[in-house]
Amino acid sequence: MIADKGLSENVMAEIELALEHHELIKIKIRASREDRKQWINEISTSTGAELVHQIGQVACYYRKNPESPKVALPRK
């Protein structure tokens, strides 16, 4: 969860760690609409993760682990 302290280096480090281990993560962002939008874009840019879905204060990100993928995506 990201709250009043914002998107700090520690929060970004935890997001990176979670993406490495889980590939698909959900983050609750408690901030104004403008701050949420900015942080959501910053997370995508900084981590290389793709924003999968966003509803209100919750954003879901996906980044494939190149060494040991955990999430199997359907083939087209």
N, C-alpha and C. Protein backbone atom coordinates (compact mmCIF):
# COMPACT_ATOMS: atom_id res chain seq x y z
N MET A 1 0.85 -1.18 0.00
CA MET A 1 0.00 0.00 0.00
C MET A 1 0.89 1.24 0.00
N ILE A 2 0.51 2.20 -0.79
CA ILE A 2 1.18 3.49 -0.83
C ILE A 2 0.23 4.50 -0.20
N ALA A 3 0.72 5.22 0.80
CA ALA A 3 -0.15 6.16 1.51
C ALA A 3 0.49 7.55 1.57
N ASP A 4 0.33 8.20 2.70
CA ASP A 4 0.72 9.60 2.87
C ASP A 4 2.20 9.89 2.66
N LYS A 5 3.08 8.93 2.83
CA LYS A 5 4.52 9.17 2.64
C LYS A 5 4.91 9.12 1.17
N GLY A 6 4.02 8.64 0.32
CA GLY A 6 4.26 8.66 -1.11
C GLY A 6 5.07 7.50 -1.63
N LEU A 7 5.57 7.66 -2.82
CA LEU A 7 6.31 6.63 -3.52
C LEU A 7 7.80 6.80 -3.21
N SER A 8 8.21 6.30 -2.07
CA SER A 8 9.59 6.46 -1.62
C SER A 8 10.48 5.37 -2.22
N GLU A 9 11.78 5.49 -1.98
CA GLU A 9 12.73 4.48 -2.46
C GLU A 9 12.44 3.13 -1.83
N ASN A 10 12.06 3.11 -0.56
CA ASN A 10 11.75 1.85 0.12
C ASN A 10 10.52 1.18 -0.50
N VAL A 11 9.52 1.96 -0.83
CA VAL A 11 8.32 1.41 -1.45
C VAL A 11 8.65 0.84 -2.82
N MET A 12 9.45 1.57 -3.59
CA MET A 12 9.85 1.08 -4.91
C MET A 12 10.66 -0.21 -4.80
N ALA A 13 11.51 -0.30 -3.79
CA ALA A 13 12.30 -1.52 -3.58
C ALA A 13 11.38 -2.70 -3.27
N GLU A 14 10.36 -2.48 -2.46
CA GLU A 14 9.40 -3.54 -2.13
C GLU A 14 8.59 -3.96 -3.35
N ILE A 15 8.23 -3.00 -4.18
CA ILE A 15 7.50 -3.31 -5.42
C ILE A 15 8.37 -4.17 -6.33
N GLU A 16 9.65 -3.81 -6.48
CA GLU A 16 10.59 -4.60 -7.30
C GLU A 16 10.70 -6.01 -6.76
N LEU A 17 10.84 -6.15 -5.47
CA LEU A 17 10.95 -7.47 -4.84
C LEU A 17 9.69 -8.30 -5.06
N ALA A 18 8.55 -7.68 -4.89
CA ALA A 18 7.27 -8.39 -5.08
C ALA A 18 7.11 -8.83 -6.53
N LEU A 19 7.49 -7.99 -7.48
CA LEU A 19 7.39 -8.35 -8.89
C LEU A 19 8.34 -9.51 -9.23
N GLU A 20 9.52 -9.51 -8.64
CA GLU A 20 10.48 -10.60 -8.86
C GLU A 20 9.92 -11.94 -8.39
N HIS A 21 9.29 -11.92 -7.23
CA HIS A 21 8.82 -13.17 -6.63
C HIS A 21 7.45 -13.61 -7.12
N HIS A 22 6.58 -12.67 -7.45
CA HIS A 22 5.19 -13.03 -7.75
C HIS A 22 4.75 -12.74 -9.19
N GLU A 23 5.44 -11.87 -9.87
CA GLU A 23 5.13 -11.43 -11.24
C GLU A 23 3.87 -10.59 -11.33
N LEU A 24 2.81 -10.97 -10.68
CA LEU A 24 1.54 -10.26 -10.73
C LEU A 24 1.24 -9.74 -9.33
N ILE A 25 1.16 -8.41 -9.19
CA ILE A 25 0.93 -7.83 -7.87
C ILE A 25 -0.20 -6.80 -7.92
N LYS A 26 -0.77 -6.55 -6.75
CA LYS A 26 -1.85 -5.57 -6.61
C LYS A 26 -1.38 -4.55 -5.58
N ILE A 27 -1.50 -3.27 -5.90
CA ILE A 27 -1.06 -2.20 -5.01
C ILE A 27 -2.23 -1.27 -4.72
N LYS A 28 -2.45 -1.00 -3.45
CA LYS A 28 -3.47 -0.03 -3.06
C LYS A 28 -2.79 1.31 -2.88
N ILE A 29 -3.30 2.31 -3.58
CA ILE A 29 -2.70 3.64 -3.57
C ILE A 29 -3.68 4.62 -2.95
N ARG A 30 -3.36 5.07 -1.76
CA ARG A 30 -4.23 6.01 -1.04
C ARG A 30 -3.69 7.42 -1.24
N ALA A 31 -4.24 8.11 -2.21
CA ALA A 31 -3.81 9.48 -2.50
C ALA A 31 -4.87 10.15 -3.37
N SER A 32 -4.64 11.40 -3.68
CA SER A 32 -5.58 12.11 -4.56
C SER A 32 -5.51 11.50 -5.96
N ARG A 33 -6.51 11.75 -6.74
CA ARG A 33 -6.59 11.19 -8.10
C ARG A 33 -5.36 11.57 -8.94
N GLU A 34 -4.91 12.81 -8.83
CA GLU A 34 -3.75 13.26 -9.60
C GLU A 34 -2.48 12.54 -9.17
N ASP A 35 -2.28 12.41 -7.84
CA ASP A 35 -1.11 11.71 -7.33
C ASP A 35 -1.14 10.23 -7.72
N ARG A 36 -2.31 9.62 -7.64
CA ARG A 36 -2.44 8.20 -8.02
C ARG A 36 -2.03 8.01 -9.47
N LYS A 37 -2.54 8.87 -10.33
CA LYS A 37 -2.23 8.75 -11.76
C LYS A 37 -0.73 8.87 -12.00
N GLN A 38 -0.11 9.84 -11.35
CA GLN A 38 1.33 10.06 -11.50
C GLN A 38 2.12 8.86 -10.96
N TRP A 39 1.76 8.35 -9.80
CA TRP A 39 2.48 7.23 -9.20
C TRP A 39 2.30 5.95 -10.02
N ILE A 40 1.11 5.74 -10.54
CA ILE A 40 0.85 4.55 -11.37
C ILE A 40 1.76 4.57 -12.59
N ASN A 41 1.88 5.71 -13.24
CA ASN A 41 2.77 5.83 -14.40
C ASN A 41 4.23 5.68 -14.00
N GLU A 42 4.61 6.25 -12.87
CA GLU A 42 5.99 6.16 -12.40
C GLU A 42 6.38 4.72 -12.07
N ILE A 43 5.47 3.97 -11.47
CA ILE A 43 5.75 2.57 -11.15
C ILE A 43 5.98 1.79 -12.44
N SER A 44 5.13 1.97 -13.43
CA SER A 44 5.29 1.28 -14.71
C SER A 44 6.62 1.61 -15.36
N THR A 45 6.95 2.88 -15.39
CA THR A 45 8.18 3.33 -16.03
C THR A 45 9.42 2.82 -15.29
N SER A 46 9.42 2.93 -13.97
CA SER A 46 10.59 2.57 -13.18
C SER A 46 10.84 1.07 -13.12
N THR A 47 9.78 0.29 -13.09
CA THR A 47 9.94 -1.16 -12.90
C THR A 47 9.90 -1.94 -14.21
N GLY A 48 9.39 -1.34 -15.26
CA GLY A 48 9.22 -2.07 -16.51
C GLY A 48 8.02 -3.00 -16.46
N ALA A 49 7.18 -2.83 -15.46
CA ALA A 49 5.97 -3.66 -15.32
C ALA A 49 4.84 -3.03 -16.12
N GLU A 50 3.93 -3.88 -16.53
CA GLU A 50 2.78 -3.43 -17.30
C GLU A 50 1.58 -3.27 -16.38
N LEU A 51 0.90 -2.14 -16.49
CA LEU A 51 -0.33 -1.93 -15.74
C LEU A 51 -1.40 -2.81 -16.37
N VAL A 52 -1.88 -3.77 -15.61
CA VAL A 52 -2.87 -4.71 -16.13
C VAL A 52 -4.28 -4.17 -15.95
N HIS A 53 -4.52 -3.57 -14.78
CA HIS A 53 -5.88 -3.15 -14.46
C HIS A 53 -5.82 -2.12 -13.35
N GLN A 54 -6.75 -1.19 -13.37
CA GLN A 54 -6.87 -0.22 -12.30
C GLN A 54 -8.34 0.08 -12.05
N ILE A 55 -8.73 -0.03 -10.80
CA ILE A 55 -10.07 0.37 -10.38
C ILE A 55 -9.91 1.19 -9.11
N GLY A 56 -10.33 2.43 -9.17
CA GLY A 56 -10.25 3.29 -7.99
C GLY A 56 -8.83 3.40 -7.46
N GLN A 57 -8.63 2.96 -6.22
CA GLN A 57 -7.34 3.09 -5.57
C GLN A 57 -6.47 1.84 -5.69
N VAL A 58 -6.86 0.90 -6.51
CA VAL A 58 -6.12 -0.36 -6.65
C VAL A 58 -5.59 -0.50 -8.07
N ALA A 59 -4.28 -0.78 -8.18
CA ALA A 59 -3.64 -0.99 -9.48
C ALA A 59 -2.96 -2.34 -9.48
N CYS A 60 -3.08 -3.08 -10.58
CA CYS A 60 -2.46 -4.39 -10.73
C CYS A 60 -1.37 -4.30 -11.79
N TYR A 61 -0.21 -4.87 -11.49
CA TYR A 61 0.93 -4.85 -12.39
C TYR A 61 1.41 -6.26 -12.67
N TYR A 62 1.97 -6.43 -13.88
CA TYR A 62 2.55 -7.72 -14.27
C TYR A 62 3.91 -7.48 -14.90
N ARG A 63 4.89 -8.27 -14.47
CA ARG A 63 6.20 -8.28 -15.11
C ARG A 63 6.72 -9.71 -15.07
N LYS A 64 6.95 -10.27 -16.24
CA LYS A 64 7.38 -11.66 -16.34
C LYS A 64 8.78 -11.83 -15.77
N ASN A 65 8.95 -12.88 -14.98
CA ASN A 65 10.26 -13.24 -14.46
C ASN A 65 10.97 -14.03 -15.55
N PRO A 66 12.09 -13.52 -16.09
CA PRO A 66 12.73 -14.20 -17.21
C PRO A 66 13.33 -15.56 -16.85
N GLU A 67 13.70 -15.76 -15.60
CA GLU A 67 14.35 -17.01 -15.20
C GLU A 67 13.36 -18.11 -14.83
N SER A 68 12.35 -17.76 -14.10
CA SER A 68 11.36 -18.78 -13.70
C SER A 68 9.96 -18.19 -13.68
N PRO A 69 9.31 -18.12 -14.84
CA PRO A 69 7.96 -17.54 -14.91
C PRO A 69 6.97 -18.35 -14.07
N LYS A 70 6.12 -17.66 -13.36
CA LYS A 70 5.12 -18.31 -12.50
C LYS A 70 3.71 -18.23 -13.10
N VAL A 71 3.45 -17.19 -13.87
CA VAL A 71 2.13 -16.98 -14.46
C VAL A 71 2.17 -17.44 -15.92
N ALA A 72 1.27 -18.34 -16.25
CA ALA A 72 1.19 -18.82 -17.63
C ALA A 72 0.13 -18.00 -18.38
N LEU A 73 0.59 -17.29 -19.40
CA LEU A 73 -0.34 -16.48 -20.18
C LEU A 73 -0.87 -17.30 -21.34
N PRO A 74 -2.14 -17.10 -21.72
CA PRO A 74 -2.70 -17.86 -22.85
C PRO A 74 -2.00 -17.48 -24.15
N ARG A 75 -1.86 -18.46 -25.02
CA ARG A 75 -1.25 -18.20 -26.33
C ARG A 75 -2.31 -17.72 -27.30
N LYS A 76 -1.91 -16.88 -28.24
CA LYS A 76 -2.86 -16.35 -29.22
C LYS A 76 -2.87 -17.21 -30.44
